[in-house]
Amino acid sequence: MHDREKLENLNKMLTTLISTCESEILITTRMLIDARSNNQINRLVLEKAFWEGKLEVAKYAKLFSE
């Protein structure tokens, strides 16, 4: 596989990852609105932070793949 093909594949993968992260953040935010207990809220806040961190890294990496 040539470097250009590898870069295109990486770009597609990062686009998919970014879309997935954004979806997970949206879902987690909706779940936070309905959360009742502190345990649920704490778990969802951590989960949302996880996806936000992953999203930030994916967007940063995508800058180099373009």
PDB file of N, CA and C in Angstrom:
ATOM      1  N   MET A   1       0.846  -1.172   0.000  1.00  0.00           N
ATOM      2  CA  MET A   1       0.000   0.000   0.000  1.00  0.00           C
ATOM      3  C   MET A   1       0.898   1.244   0.000  1.00  0.00           C
ATOM      4  N   HIS A   2       0.548   2.203  -0.811  1.00  0.00           N
ATOM      5  CA  HIS A   2       1.334   3.427  -0.904  1.00  0.00           C
ATOM      6  C   HIS A   2       0.971   4.388   0.223  1.00  0.00           C
ATOM      7  N   ASP A   3       1.848   5.335   0.467  1.00  0.00           N
ATOM      8  CA  ASP A   3       1.635   6.296   1.549  1.00  0.00           C
ATOM      9  C   ASP A   3       0.336   7.066   1.377  1.00  0.00           C
ATOM     10  N   ARG A   4       0.017   7.430   0.146  1.00  0.00           N
ATOM     11  CA  ARG A   4      -1.212   8.188  -0.110  1.00  0.00           C
ATOM     12  C   ARG A   4      -2.451   7.373   0.283  1.00  0.00           C
ATOM     13  N   GLU A   5      -2.446   6.084  -0.055  1.00  0.00           N
ATOM     14  CA  GLU A   5      -3.556   5.204   0.303  1.00  0.00           C
ATOM     15  C   GLU A   5      -3.661   5.062   1.820  1.00  0.00           C
ATOM     16  N   LYS A   6      -2.523   4.921   2.472  1.00  0.00           N
ATOM     17  CA  LYS A   6      -2.517   4.814   3.934  1.00  0.00           C
ATOM     18  C   LYS A   6      -3.102   6.068   4.570  1.00  0.00           C
ATOM     19  N   LEU A   7      -2.734   7.218   4.036  1.00  0.00           N
ATOM     20  CA  LEU A   7      -3.235   8.487   4.552  1.00  0.00           C
ATOM     21  C   LEU A   7      -4.740   8.610   4.338  1.00  0.00           C
ATOM     22  N   GLU A   8      -5.223   8.181   3.172  1.00  0.00           N
ATOM     23  CA  GLU A   8      -6.658   8.217   2.885  1.00  0.00           C
ATOM     24  C   GLU A   8      -7.418   7.293   3.830  1.00  0.00           C
ATOM     25  N   ASN A   9      -6.877   6.091   4.071  1.00  0.00           N
ATOM     26  CA  ASN A   9      -7.510   5.155   5.003  1.00  0.00           C
ATOM     27  C   ASN A   9      -7.532   5.717   6.420  1.00  0.00           C
ATOM     28  N   LEU A  10      -6.435   6.328   6.827  1.00  0.00           N
ATOM     29  CA  LEU A  10      -6.367   6.948   8.149  1.00  0.00           C
ATOM     30  C   LEU A  10      -7.397   8.066   8.271  1.00  0.00           C
ATOM     31  N   ASN A  11      -7.518   8.870   7.233  1.00  0.00           N
ATOM     32  CA  ASN A  11      -8.473   9.974   7.241  1.00  0.00           C
ATOM     33  C   ASN A  11      -9.904   9.451   7.369  1.00  0.00           C
ATOM     34  N   LYS A  12     -10.230   8.377   6.649  1.00  0.00           N
ATOM     35  CA  LYS A  12     -11.571   7.773   6.733  1.00  0.00           C
ATOM     36  C   LYS A  12     -11.830   7.230   8.136  1.00  0.00           C
ATOM     37  N   MET A  13     -10.817   6.555   8.693  1.00  0.00           N
ATOM     38  CA  MET A  13     -10.953   5.995  10.032  1.00  0.00           C
ATOM     39  C   MET A  13     -11.171   7.097  11.068  1.00  0.00           C
ATOM     40  N   LEU A  14     -10.412   8.179  10.948  1.00  0.00           N
ATOM     41  CA  LEU A  14     -10.551   9.289  11.893  1.00  0.00           C
ATOM     42  C   LEU A  14     -11.907   9.970  11.748  1.00  0.00           C
ATOM     43  N   THR A  15     -12.410  10.087  10.529  1.00  0.00           N
ATOM     44  CA  THR A  15     -13.735  10.664  10.304  1.00  0.00           C
ATOM     45  C   THR A  15     -14.802   9.819  10.997  1.00  0.00           C
ATOM     46  N   THR A  16     -14.683   8.503  10.868  1.00  0.00           N
ATOM     47  CA  THR A  16     -15.622   7.593  11.529  1.00  0.00           C
ATOM     48  C   THR A  16     -15.511   7.704  13.044  1.00  0.00           C
ATOM     49  N   LEU A  17     -14.291   7.764  13.551  1.00  0.00           N
ATOM     50  CA  LEU A  17     -14.075   7.893  14.994  1.00  0.00           C
ATOM     51  C   LEU A  17     -14.662   9.200  15.520  1.00  0.00           C
ATOM     52  N   ILE A  18     -14.474  10.286  14.795  1.00  0.00           N
ATOM     53  CA  ILE A  18     -15.017  11.589  15.203  1.00  0.00           C
ATOM     54  C   ILE A  18     -16.533  11.531  15.253  1.00  0.00           C
ATOM     55  N   SER A  19     -17.136  10.937  14.251  1.00  0.00           N
ATOM     56  CA  SER A  19     -18.593  10.801  14.213  1.00  0.00           C
ATOM     57  C   SER A  19     -19.097   9.958  15.382  1.00  0.00           C
ATOM     58  N   THR A  20     -18.404   8.863  15.665  1.00  0.00           N
ATOM     59  CA  THR A  20     -18.781   7.994  16.781  1.00  0.00           C
ATOM     60  C   THR A  20     -18.671   8.732  18.110  1.00  0.00           C
ATOM     61  N   CYS A  21     -17.587   9.454  18.306  1.00  0.00           N
ATOM     62  CA  CYS A  21     -17.390  10.208  19.550  1.00  0.00           C
ATOM     63  C   CYS A  21     -18.487  11.249  19.734  1.00  0.00           C
ATOM     64  N   GLU A  22     -18.810  11.967  18.669  1.00  0.00           N
ATOM     65  CA  GLU A  22     -19.856  12.988  18.755  1.00  0.00           C
ATOM     66  C   GLU A  22     -21.202  12.358  19.104  1.00  0.00           C
ATOM     67  N   SER A  23     -21.493  11.195  18.525  1.00  0.00           N
ATOM     68  CA  SER A  23     -22.735  10.487  18.842  1.00  0.00           C
ATOM     69  C   SER A  23     -22.763  10.045  20.298  1.00  0.00           C
ATOM     70  N   GLU A  24     -21.661   9.491  20.768  1.00  0.00           N
ATOM     71  CA  GLU A  24     -21.592   9.027  22.154  1.00  0.00           C
ATOM     72  C   GLU A  24     -21.726  10.188  23.143  1.00  0.00           C
ATOM     73  N   ILE A  25     -21.147  11.324  22.813  1.00  0.00           N
ATOM     74  CA  ILE A  25     -21.269  12.507  23.675  1.00  0.00           C
ATOM     75  C   ILE A  25     -22.722  12.949  23.739  1.00  0.00           C
ATOM     76  N   LEU A  26     -23.400  12.950  22.603  1.00  0.00           N
ATOM     77  CA  LEU A  26     -24.808  13.338  22.556  1.00  0.00           C
ATOM     78  C   LEU A  26     -25.668  12.371  23.371  1.00  0.00           C
ATOM     79  N   ILE A  27     -25.434  11.084  23.202  1.00  0.00           N
ATOM     80  CA  ILE A  27     -26.193  10.072  23.950  1.00  0.00           C
ATOM     81  C   ILE A  27     -25.949  10.222  25.447  1.00  0.00           C
ATOM     82  N   THR A  28     -24.701  10.387  25.840  1.00  0.00           N
ATOM     83  CA  THR A  28     -24.357  10.527  27.256  1.00  0.00           C
ATOM     84  C   THR A  28     -24.976  11.788  27.848  1.00  0.00           C
ATOM     85  N   THR A  29     -24.990  12.868  27.083  1.00  0.00           N
ATOM     86  CA  THR A  29     -25.602  14.116  27.550  1.00  0.00           C
ATOM     87  C   THR A  29     -27.089  13.915  27.795  1.00  0.00           C
ATOM     88  N   ARG A  30     -27.750  13.219  26.884  1.00  0.00           N
ATOM     89  CA  ARG A  30     -29.186  12.936  27.057  1.00  0.00           C
ATOM     90  C   ARG A  30     -29.431  12.069  28.285  1.00  0.00           C
ATOM     91  N   MET A  31     -28.553  11.094  28.498  1.00  0.00           N
ATOM     92  CA  MET A  31     -28.693  10.228  29.667  1.00  0.00           C
ATOM     93  C   MET A  31     -28.456  11.008  30.957  1.00  0.00           C
ATOM     94  N   LEU A  32     -27.546  11.969  30.919  1.00  0.00           N
ATOM     95  CA  LEU A  32     -27.271  12.799  32.100  1.00  0.00           C
ATOM     96  C   LEU A  32     -28.507  13.586  32.518  1.00  0.00           C
ATOM     97  N   ILE A  33     -29.259  14.054  31.542  1.00  0.00           N
ATOM     98  CA  ILE A  33     -30.470  14.826  31.828  1.00  0.00           C
ATOM     99  C   ILE A  33     -31.466  13.982  32.616  1.00  0.00           C
ATOM    100  N   ASP A  34     -31.536  12.681  32.298  1.00  0.00           N
ATOM    101  CA  ASP A  34     -32.494  11.790  32.953  1.00  0.00           C
ATOM    102  C   ASP A  34     -31.935  11.081  34.184  1.00  0.00           C
ATOM    103  N   ALA A  35     -30.661  11.262  34.474  1.00  0.00           N
ATOM    104  CA  ALA A  35     -30.027  10.560  35.597  1.00  0.00           C
ATOM    105  C   ALA A  35     -30.636  11.009  36.923  1.00  0.00           C
ATOM    106  N   ARG A  36     -30.804  10.049  37.803  1.00  0.00           N
ATOM    107  CA  ARG A  36     -31.433  10.330  39.097  1.00  0.00           C
ATOM    108  C   ARG A  36     -30.446  10.284  40.264  1.00  0.00           C
ATOM    109  N   SER A  37     -29.609   9.283  40.278  1.00  0.00           N
ATOM    110  CA  SER A  37     -28.723   9.109  41.439  1.00  0.00           C
ATOM    111  C   SER A  37     -27.353   9.725  41.176  1.00  0.00           C
ATOM    112  N   ASN A  38     -26.664  10.009  42.266  1.00  0.00           N
ATOM    113  CA  ASN A  38     -25.308  10.557  42.160  1.00  0.00           C
ATOM    114  C   ASN A  38     -24.357   9.582  41.471  1.00  0.00           C
ATOM    115  N   ASN A  39     -24.555   8.277  41.727  1.00  0.00           N
ATOM    116  CA  ASN A  39     -23.707   7.271  41.077  1.00  0.00           C
ATOM    117  C   ASN A  39     -23.863   7.323  39.564  1.00  0.00           C
ATOM    118  N   GLN A  40     -25.099   7.411  39.107  1.00  0.00           N
ATOM    119  CA  GLN A  40     -25.359   7.511  37.666  1.00  0.00           C
ATOM    120  C   GLN A  40     -24.726   8.764  37.089  1.00  0.00           C
ATOM    121  N   ILE A  41     -24.920   9.862  37.766  1.00  0.00           N
ATOM    122  CA  ILE A  41     -24.394  11.148  37.292  1.00  0.00           C
ATOM    123  C   ILE A  41     -22.872  11.102  37.214  1.00  0.00           C
ATOM    124  N   ASN A  42     -22.227  10.601  38.266  1.00  0.00           N
ATOM    125  CA  ASN A  42     -20.759  10.514  38.283  1.00  0.00           C
ATOM    126  C   ASN A  42     -20.236   9.640  37.149  1.00  0.00           C
ATOM    127  N   ARG A  43     -20.867   8.486  36.958  1.00  0.00           N
ATOM    128  CA  ARG A  43     -20.443   7.565  35.900  1.00  0.00           C
ATOM    129  C   ARG A  43     -20.606   8.208  34.526  1.00  0.00           C
ATOM    130  N   LEU A  44     -21.729   8.885  34.312  1.00  0.00           N
ATOM    131  CA  LEU A  44     -21.989   9.507  33.014  1.00  0.00           C
ATOM    132  C   LEU A  44     -21.070  10.700  32.746  1.00  0.00           C
ATOM    133  N   VAL A  45     -20.747  11.447  33.786  1.00  0.00           N
ATOM    134  CA  VAL A  45     -19.820  12.574  33.620  1.00  0.00           C
ATOM    135  C   VAL A  45     -18.436  12.054  33.210  1.00  0.00           C
ATOM    136  N   LEU A  46     -17.995  10.966  33.849  1.00  0.00           N
ATOM    137  CA  LEU A  46     -16.707  10.361  33.480  1.00  0.00           C
ATOM    138  C   LEU A  46     -16.739   9.816  32.054  1.00  0.00           C
ATOM    139  N   GLU A  47     -17.842   9.182  31.704  1.00  0.00           N
ATOM    140  CA  GLU A  47     -17.978   8.634  30.349  1.00  0.00           C
ATOM    141  C   GLU A  47     -17.964   9.748  29.299  1.00  0.00           C
ATOM    142  N   LYS A  48     -18.660  10.828  29.595  1.00  0.00           N
ATOM    143  CA  LYS A  48     -18.687  11.962  28.663  1.00  0.00           C
ATOM    144  C   LYS A  48     -17.289  12.565  28.509  1.00  0.00           C
ATOM    145  N   ALA A  49     -16.568  12.701  29.606  1.00  0.00           N
ATOM    146  CA  ALA A  49     -15.201  13.236  29.554  1.00  0.00           C
ATOM    147  C   ALA A  49     -14.292  12.315  28.739  1.00  0.00           C
ATOM    148  N   PHE A  50     -14.487  11.012  28.874  1.00  0.00           N
ATOM    149  CA  PHE A  50     -13.714  10.045  28.092  1.00  0.00           C
ATOM    150  C   PHE A  50     -13.920  10.273  26.599  1.00  0.00           C
ATOM    151  N   TRP A  51     -15.188  10.381  26.179  1.00  0.00           N
ATOM    152  CA  TRP A  51     -15.488  10.574  24.755  1.00  0.00           C
ATOM    153  C   TRP A  51     -15.020  11.937  24.262  1.00  0.00           C
ATOM    154  N   GLU A  52     -15.122  12.953  25.102  1.00  0.00           N
ATOM    155  CA  GLU A  52     -14.650  14.285  24.703  1.00  0.00           C
ATOM    156  C   GLU A  52     -13.132  14.290  24.503  1.00  0.00           C
ATOM    157  N   GLY A  53     -12.420  13.585  25.361  1.00  0.00           N
ATOM    158  CA  GLY A  53     -10.969  13.477  25.212  1.00  0.00           C
ATOM    159  C   GLY A  53     -10.582  12.741  23.943  1.00  0.00           C
ATOM    160  N   LYS A  54     -11.287  11.666  23.688  1.00  0.00           N
ATOM    161  CA  LYS A  54     -11.032  10.894  22.474  1.00  0.00           C
ATOM    162  C   LYS A  54     -11.333  11.728  21.227  1.00  0.00           C
ATOM    163  N   LEU A  55     -12.407  12.513  21.285  1.00  0.00           N
ATOM    164  CA  LEU A  55     -12.783  13.380  20.165  1.00  0.00           C
ATOM    165  C   LEU A  55     -11.706  14.423  19.903  1.00  0.00           C
ATOM    166  N   GLU A  56     -11.200  15.015  20.958  1.00  0.00           N
ATOM    167  CA  GLU A  56     -10.161  16.041  20.815  1.00  0.00           C
ATOM    168  C   GLU A  56      -8.902  15.468  20.156  1.00  0.00           C
ATOM    169  N   VAL A  57      -8.499  14.284  20.582  1.00  0.00           N
ATOM    170  CA  VAL A  57      -7.311  13.648  20.006  1.00  0.00           C
ATOM    171  C   VAL A  57      -7.550  13.286  18.537  1.00  0.00           C
ATOM    172  N   ALA A  58      -8.739  12.775  18.231  1.00  0.00           N
ATOM    173  CA  ALA A  58      -9.049  12.393  16.847  1.00  0.00           C
ATOM    174  C   ALA A  58      -9.053  13.605  15.925  1.00  0.00           C
ATOM    175  N   LYS A  59      -9.620  14.714  16.397  1.00  0.00           N
ATOM    176  CA  LYS A  59      -9.635  15.932  15.577  1.00  0.00           C
ATOM    177  C   LYS A  59      -8.218  16.455  15.364  1.00  0.00           C
ATOM    178  N   TYR A  60      -7.402  16.377  16.388  1.00  0.00           N
ATOM    179  CA  TYR A  60      -6.014  16.828  16.284  1.00  0.00           C
ATOM    180  C   TYR A  60      -5.248  15.950  15.291  1.00  0.00           C
ATOM    181  N   ALA A  61      -5.435  14.645  15.393  1.00  0.00           N
ATOM    182  CA  ALA A  61      -4.749  13.718  14.489  1.00  0.00           C
ATOM    183  C   ALA A  61      -5.210  13.907  13.052  1.00  0.00           C
ATOM    184  N   LYS A  62      -6.477  14.239  12.885  1.00  0.00           N
ATOM    185  CA  LYS A  62      -7.011  14.419  11.529  1.00  0.00           C
ATOM    186  C   LYS A  62      -6.350  15.608  10.829  1.00  0.00           C
ATOM    187  N   LEU A  63      -5.949  16.604  11.586  1.00  0.00           N
ATOM    188  CA  LEU A  63      -5.256  17.749  10.992  1.00  0.00           C
ATOM    189  C   LEU A  63      -4.000  17.304  10.244  1.00  0.00           C
ATOM    190  N   PHE A  64      -3.324  16.289  10.763  1.00  0.00           N
ATOM    191  CA  PHE A  64      -2.090  15.812  10.152  1.00  0.00           C
ATOM    192  C   PHE A  64      -2.335  14.829   9.010  1.00  0.00           C
ATOM    193  N   SER A  65      -3.557  14.296   8.927  1.00  0.00           N
ATOM    194  CA  SER A  65      -3.835  13.318   7.873  1.00  0.00           C
ATOM    195  C   SER A  65      -4.385  13.973   6.611  1.00  0.00           C
ATOM    196  N   GLU A  66      -4.627  15.265   6.675  1.00  0.00           N
ATOM    197  CA  GLU A  66      -5.182  15.951   5.502  1.00  0.00           C
ATOM    198  C   GLU A  66      -4.092  16.556   4.656  1.00  0.00           C
TER     199      GLU A  66
END
